[in-house]
Amino acid sequence: MKVLESRSKKLMEFESKALRFLCIWDEREFAYGCIRKFELIYHLSDDTVEVLEIPEENSGRDPFKLLLHKTRLPKDWKDLPSKAVFSPKQFLYLIYYGS
């Protein structure tokens, strides 16, 4: 019961507040690689994260915006099976963008 009360209190306190970070995905070490820009949004009300691509004009890429839908991330991510081609180190170079 205490968990539900704390979640609802947090929801009311941080209803529409989020932290925004600019991120880059540097894949220049691979053939035809480039630097791609993303926006990481951390929603304070429910502790969820989403990652959106910042599209560049005439990049030749399909215009998808969503890399990771709004979801909770596991706290213990080191024991998860790895299906990713790129490591988190290659993807997230965070620069504070604003809230």
N, C-alpha and C. Protein backbone atom coordinates (compact mmCIF):
# COMPACT_ATOMS: atom_id res chain seq x y z
N MET A 1 0.82 -1.19 0.00
CA MET A 1 0.00 0.00 0.00
C MET A 1 0.87 1.26 0.00
N LYS A 2 2.00 1.17 0.72
CA LYS A 2 2.89 2.32 0.79
C LYS A 2 3.48 2.67 -0.57
N VAL A 3 3.76 1.64 -1.37
CA VAL A 3 4.33 1.86 -2.71
C VAL A 3 3.35 2.61 -3.58
N LEU A 4 2.07 2.24 -3.52
CA LEU A 4 1.05 2.93 -4.32
C LEU A 4 0.91 4.38 -3.91
N GLU A 5 0.97 4.64 -2.61
CA GLU A 5 0.87 6.02 -2.12
C GLU A 5 2.06 6.86 -2.60
N SER A 6 3.25 6.28 -2.54
CA SER A 6 4.43 7.04 -2.98
C SER A 6 4.41 7.28 -4.48
N ARG A 7 3.91 6.31 -5.25
CA ARG A 7 3.81 6.50 -6.71
C ARG A 7 2.81 7.59 -7.06
N SER A 8 1.67 7.58 -6.39
CA SER A 8 0.66 8.60 -6.70
C SER A 8 1.13 9.98 -6.25
N LYS A 9 1.85 10.05 -5.14
CA LYS A 9 2.40 11.32 -4.68
C LYS A 9 3.42 11.84 -5.69
N LYS A 10 4.27 10.95 -6.18
CA LYS A 10 5.28 11.33 -7.17
C LYS A 10 4.61 11.78 -8.47
N LEU A 11 3.55 11.09 -8.87
CA LEU A 11 2.83 11.46 -10.08
C LEU A 11 2.24 12.85 -9.96
N MET A 12 1.67 13.17 -8.81
CA MET A 12 1.08 14.50 -8.61
C MET A 12 2.15 15.59 -8.54
N GLU A 13 3.29 15.26 -7.95
CA GLU A 13 4.35 16.25 -7.77
C GLU A 13 5.07 16.58 -9.09
N PHE A 14 5.36 15.54 -9.89
CA PHE A 14 6.12 15.72 -11.13
C PHE A 14 5.26 15.42 -12.36
N GLU A 15 4.02 15.85 -12.37
CA GLU A 15 3.04 15.43 -13.37
C GLU A 15 3.54 15.52 -14.82
N SER A 16 4.02 16.63 -15.24
CA SER A 16 4.43 16.77 -16.64
C SER A 16 5.89 17.18 -16.78
N LYS A 17 6.70 16.90 -15.77
CA LYS A 17 8.10 17.30 -15.80
C LYS A 17 8.97 16.17 -16.33
N ALA A 18 9.98 16.55 -17.10
CA ALA A 18 10.89 15.57 -17.68
C ALA A 18 12.28 16.18 -17.81
N LEU A 19 13.27 15.33 -17.78
CA LEU A 19 14.64 15.75 -18.03
C LEU A 19 14.98 15.37 -19.46
N ARG A 20 15.55 16.29 -20.21
CA ARG A 20 15.90 16.04 -21.61
C ARG A 20 17.41 16.12 -21.77
N PHE A 21 17.94 15.15 -22.49
CA PHE A 21 19.37 15.10 -22.75
C PHE A 21 19.58 14.94 -24.25
N LEU A 22 20.57 15.62 -24.79
CA LEU A 22 20.98 15.38 -26.16
C LEU A 22 22.02 14.27 -26.14
N CYS A 23 21.90 13.32 -27.05
CA CYS A 23 22.80 12.18 -27.11
C CYS A 23 23.30 12.04 -28.54
N ILE A 24 24.45 11.43 -28.68
CA ILE A 24 24.93 11.09 -30.01
C ILE A 24 25.27 9.61 -30.05
N TRP A 25 25.09 9.03 -31.21
CA TRP A 25 25.46 7.64 -31.46
C TRP A 25 26.58 7.72 -32.49
N ASP A 26 27.78 7.46 -32.06
CA ASP A 26 28.96 7.57 -32.92
C ASP A 26 29.29 6.19 -33.47
N GLU A 27 28.98 5.96 -34.73
CA GLU A 27 29.28 4.68 -35.37
C GLU A 27 30.25 4.87 -36.54
N ARG A 28 31.12 5.87 -36.43
CA ARG A 28 32.06 6.16 -37.50
C ARG A 28 33.13 5.09 -37.66
N GLU A 29 33.31 4.24 -36.67
CA GLU A 29 34.32 3.20 -36.79
C GLU A 29 33.88 2.07 -37.72
N PHE A 30 32.60 2.04 -38.09
CA PHE A 30 32.06 1.03 -39.01
C PHE A 30 31.98 1.61 -40.42
N ALA A 31 31.90 0.75 -41.41
CA ALA A 31 31.78 1.21 -42.79
C ALA A 31 30.50 2.03 -42.96
N TYR A 32 30.61 3.17 -43.60
CA TYR A 32 29.50 4.09 -43.85
C TYR A 32 28.87 4.60 -42.57
N GLY A 33 29.60 4.58 -41.48
CA GLY A 33 29.08 5.06 -40.21
C GLY A 33 29.06 6.58 -40.14
N CYS A 34 28.26 7.09 -39.24
CA CYS A 34 28.15 8.54 -39.06
C CYS A 34 27.77 8.81 -37.61
N ILE A 35 27.63 10.07 -37.30
CA ILE A 35 27.15 10.47 -35.98
C ILE A 35 25.67 10.78 -36.10
N ARG A 36 24.87 10.11 -35.28
CA ARG A 36 23.42 10.34 -35.28
C ARG A 36 23.04 10.98 -33.96
N LYS A 37 22.11 11.93 -34.01
CA LYS A 37 21.69 12.68 -32.83
C LYS A 37 20.36 12.15 -32.31
N PHE A 38 20.28 12.05 -30.98
CA PHE A 38 19.07 11.56 -30.33
C PHE A 38 18.74 12.44 -29.14
N GLU A 39 17.51 12.32 -28.69
CA GLU A 39 17.05 13.02 -27.50
C GLU A 39 16.55 11.97 -26.52
N LEU A 40 17.15 11.94 -25.33
CA LEU A 40 16.74 11.02 -24.28
C LEU A 40 15.86 11.81 -23.32
N ILE A 41 14.67 11.30 -23.07
CA ILE A 41 13.72 11.98 -22.18
C ILE A 41 13.44 11.07 -21.00
N TYR A 42 13.73 11.57 -19.80
CA TYR A 42 13.45 10.85 -18.56
C TYR A 42 12.25 11.51 -17.90
N HIS A 43 11.15 10.77 -17.80
CA HIS A 43 9.92 11.30 -17.21
C HIS A 43 9.98 11.10 -15.70
N LEU A 44 9.94 12.20 -14.95
CA LEU A 44 10.08 12.14 -13.50
C LEU A 44 8.86 11.54 -12.81
N SER A 45 7.69 11.67 -13.40
CA SER A 45 6.47 11.22 -12.72
C SER A 45 6.39 9.71 -12.59
N ASP A 46 6.89 8.96 -13.57
CA ASP A 46 6.77 7.50 -13.51
C ASP A 46 8.08 6.77 -13.77
N ASP A 47 9.20 7.47 -13.73
CA ASP A 47 10.54 6.88 -13.90
C ASP A 47 10.66 6.09 -15.20
N THR A 48 10.18 6.65 -16.28
CA THR A 48 10.30 5.99 -17.58
C THR A 48 11.24 6.79 -18.47
N VAL A 49 11.74 6.13 -19.50
CA VAL A 49 12.70 6.72 -20.42
C VAL A 49 12.21 6.47 -21.84
N GLU A 50 12.42 7.45 -22.72
CA GLU A 50 12.20 7.24 -24.15
C GLU A 50 13.33 7.91 -24.91
N VAL A 51 13.66 7.36 -26.07
CA VAL A 51 14.75 7.88 -26.89
C VAL A 51 14.20 8.17 -28.28
N LEU A 52 14.34 9.42 -28.72
CA LEU A 52 13.83 9.88 -30.01
C LEU A 52 14.99 10.35 -30.88
N GLU A 53 14.95 10.02 -32.16
CA GLU A 53 15.98 10.50 -33.06
C GLU A 53 15.66 11.92 -33.51
N ILE A 54 16.68 12.74 -33.60
CA ILE A 54 16.53 14.10 -34.12
C ILE A 54 16.85 14.01 -35.61
N PRO A 55 15.85 14.11 -36.48
CA PRO A 55 16.08 13.89 -37.91
C PRO A 55 16.89 15.01 -38.55
N GLU A 56 17.73 14.63 -39.49
CA GLU A 56 18.48 15.61 -40.27
C GLU A 56 17.93 15.62 -41.68
N GLU A 57 17.85 16.80 -42.26
CA GLU A 57 17.33 16.90 -43.62
C GLU A 57 18.29 16.28 -44.62
N ASN A 58 17.73 15.63 -45.62
CA ASN A 58 18.50 15.03 -46.71
C ASN A 58 19.57 14.06 -46.22
N SER A 59 19.26 13.29 -45.18
CA SER A 59 20.24 12.34 -44.66
C SER A 59 20.19 11.01 -45.41
N GLY A 60 19.10 10.77 -46.15
CA GLY A 60 18.95 9.52 -46.87
C GLY A 60 18.40 8.40 -46.00
N ARG A 61 18.03 8.68 -44.78
CA ARG A 61 17.48 7.67 -43.88
C ARG A 61 15.96 7.77 -43.85
N ASP A 62 15.33 6.64 -43.56
CA ASP A 62 13.88 6.65 -43.39
C ASP A 62 13.51 7.48 -42.17
N PRO A 63 12.43 8.24 -42.27
CA PRO A 63 12.08 9.15 -41.18
C PRO A 63 11.35 8.46 -40.02
N PHE A 64 12.06 7.65 -39.25
CA PHE A 64 11.48 7.13 -38.02
C PHE A 64 12.02 7.98 -36.89
N LYS A 65 11.22 8.20 -35.91
CA LYS A 65 11.65 9.08 -34.84
C LYS A 65 11.91 8.33 -33.55
N LEU A 66 11.25 7.22 -33.35
CA LEU A 66 11.27 6.52 -32.07
C LEU A 66 12.31 5.40 -32.06
N LEU A 67 13.33 5.52 -31.23
CA LEU A 67 14.31 4.45 -31.07
C LEU A 67 13.91 3.54 -29.91
N LEU A 68 13.45 4.13 -28.81
CA LEU A 68 12.99 3.37 -27.65
C LEU A 68 11.71 4.01 -27.15
N HIS A 69 10.62 3.23 -27.15
CA HIS A 69 9.35 3.79 -26.68
C HIS A 69 9.40 4.02 -25.18
N LYS A 70 8.46 4.77 -24.67
CA LYS A 70 8.43 5.14 -23.25
C LYS A 70 8.29 3.86 -22.42
N THR A 71 9.33 3.54 -21.67
CA THR A 71 9.36 2.30 -20.91
C THR A 71 10.26 2.45 -19.70
N ARG A 72 10.10 1.55 -18.76
CA ARG A 72 11.00 1.50 -17.61
C ARG A 72 12.21 0.66 -17.98
N LEU A 73 13.36 1.08 -17.51
CA LEU A 73 14.57 0.33 -17.75
C LEU A 73 14.89 -0.53 -16.52
N PRO A 74 15.43 -1.72 -16.74
CA PRO A 74 15.75 -2.57 -15.58
C PRO A 74 16.90 -1.99 -14.76
N LYS A 75 16.83 -2.14 -13.46
CA LYS A 75 17.88 -1.62 -12.60
C LYS A 75 19.15 -2.45 -12.72
N ASP A 76 19.00 -3.77 -12.83
CA ASP A 76 20.15 -4.65 -12.95
C ASP A 76 20.26 -5.10 -14.41
N TRP A 77 20.85 -4.26 -15.25
CA TRP A 77 20.91 -4.53 -16.69
C TRP A 77 22.13 -5.34 -17.09
N LYS A 78 23.08 -5.53 -16.21
CA LYS A 78 24.30 -6.25 -16.58
C LYS A 78 24.08 -7.74 -16.76
N ASP A 79 23.07 -8.30 -16.11
CA ASP A 79 22.81 -9.74 -16.22
C ASP A 79 21.84 -10.10 -17.34
N LEU A 80 21.37 -9.11 -18.08
CA LEU A 80 20.44 -9.38 -19.18
C LEU A 80 21.19 -9.97 -20.37
N PRO A 81 20.55 -10.84 -21.15
CA PRO A 81 21.22 -11.36 -22.35
C PRO A 81 21.43 -10.24 -23.37
N SER A 82 22.58 -10.23 -23.99
CA SER A 82 22.93 -9.15 -24.92
C SER A 82 22.47 -9.50 -26.33
N LYS A 83 21.59 -8.68 -26.87
CA LYS A 83 21.15 -8.83 -28.26
C LYS A 83 21.56 -7.62 -29.08
N ALA A 84 22.16 -6.64 -28.43
CA ALA A 84 22.51 -5.39 -29.10
C ALA A 84 23.78 -5.53 -29.91
N VAL A 85 23.81 -4.84 -31.04
CA VAL A 85 25.00 -4.80 -31.88
C VAL A 85 25.97 -3.77 -31.33
N PHE A 86 25.45 -2.70 -30.76
CA PHE A 86 26.28 -1.61 -30.25
C PHE A 86 26.19 -1.60 -28.73
N SER A 87 27.26 -1.24 -28.09
CA SER A 87 27.28 -1.16 -26.63
C SER A 87 26.72 0.19 -26.18
N PRO A 88 26.26 0.28 -24.93
CA PRO A 88 25.79 1.58 -24.43
C PRO A 88 26.86 2.66 -24.49
N LYS A 89 28.13 2.28 -24.35
CA LYS A 89 29.21 3.25 -24.40
C LYS A 89 29.28 3.92 -25.77
N GLN A 90 29.01 3.16 -26.84
CA GLN A 90 29.03 3.74 -28.18
C GLN A 90 27.86 4.67 -28.41
N PHE A 91 26.78 4.47 -27.69
CA PHE A 91 25.56 5.23 -27.95
C PHE A 91 25.41 6.48 -27.10
N LEU A 92 25.58 6.38 -25.83
CA LEU A 92 25.19 7.49 -24.96
C LEU A 92 26.36 8.34 -24.51
N TYR A 93 26.52 9.44 -25.16
CA TYR A 93 27.39 10.52 -24.69
C TYR A 93 26.42 11.64 -24.32
N LEU A 94 26.14 11.76 -23.05
CA LEU A 94 25.06 12.66 -22.63
C LEU A 94 25.56 14.07 -22.42
N ILE A 95 24.76 14.98 -22.91
CA ILE A 95 24.98 16.40 -22.70
C ILE A 95 23.69 16.96 -22.15
N TYR A 96 23.76 17.63 -21.03
CA TYR A 96 22.53 18.16 -20.43
C TYR A 96 21.89 19.16 -21.37
N TYR A 97 20.61 18.99 -21.63
CA TYR A 97 19.88 19.82 -22.59
C TYR A 97 18.88 20.73 -21.92
N GLY A 98 18.34 20.34 -20.81
CA GLY A 98 17.34 21.17 -20.13
C GLY A 98 16.20 20.31 -19.65
N SER A 99 15.31 20.90 -18.94
CA SER A 99 14.18 20.13 -18.43
C SER A 99 12.87 20.77 -18.81
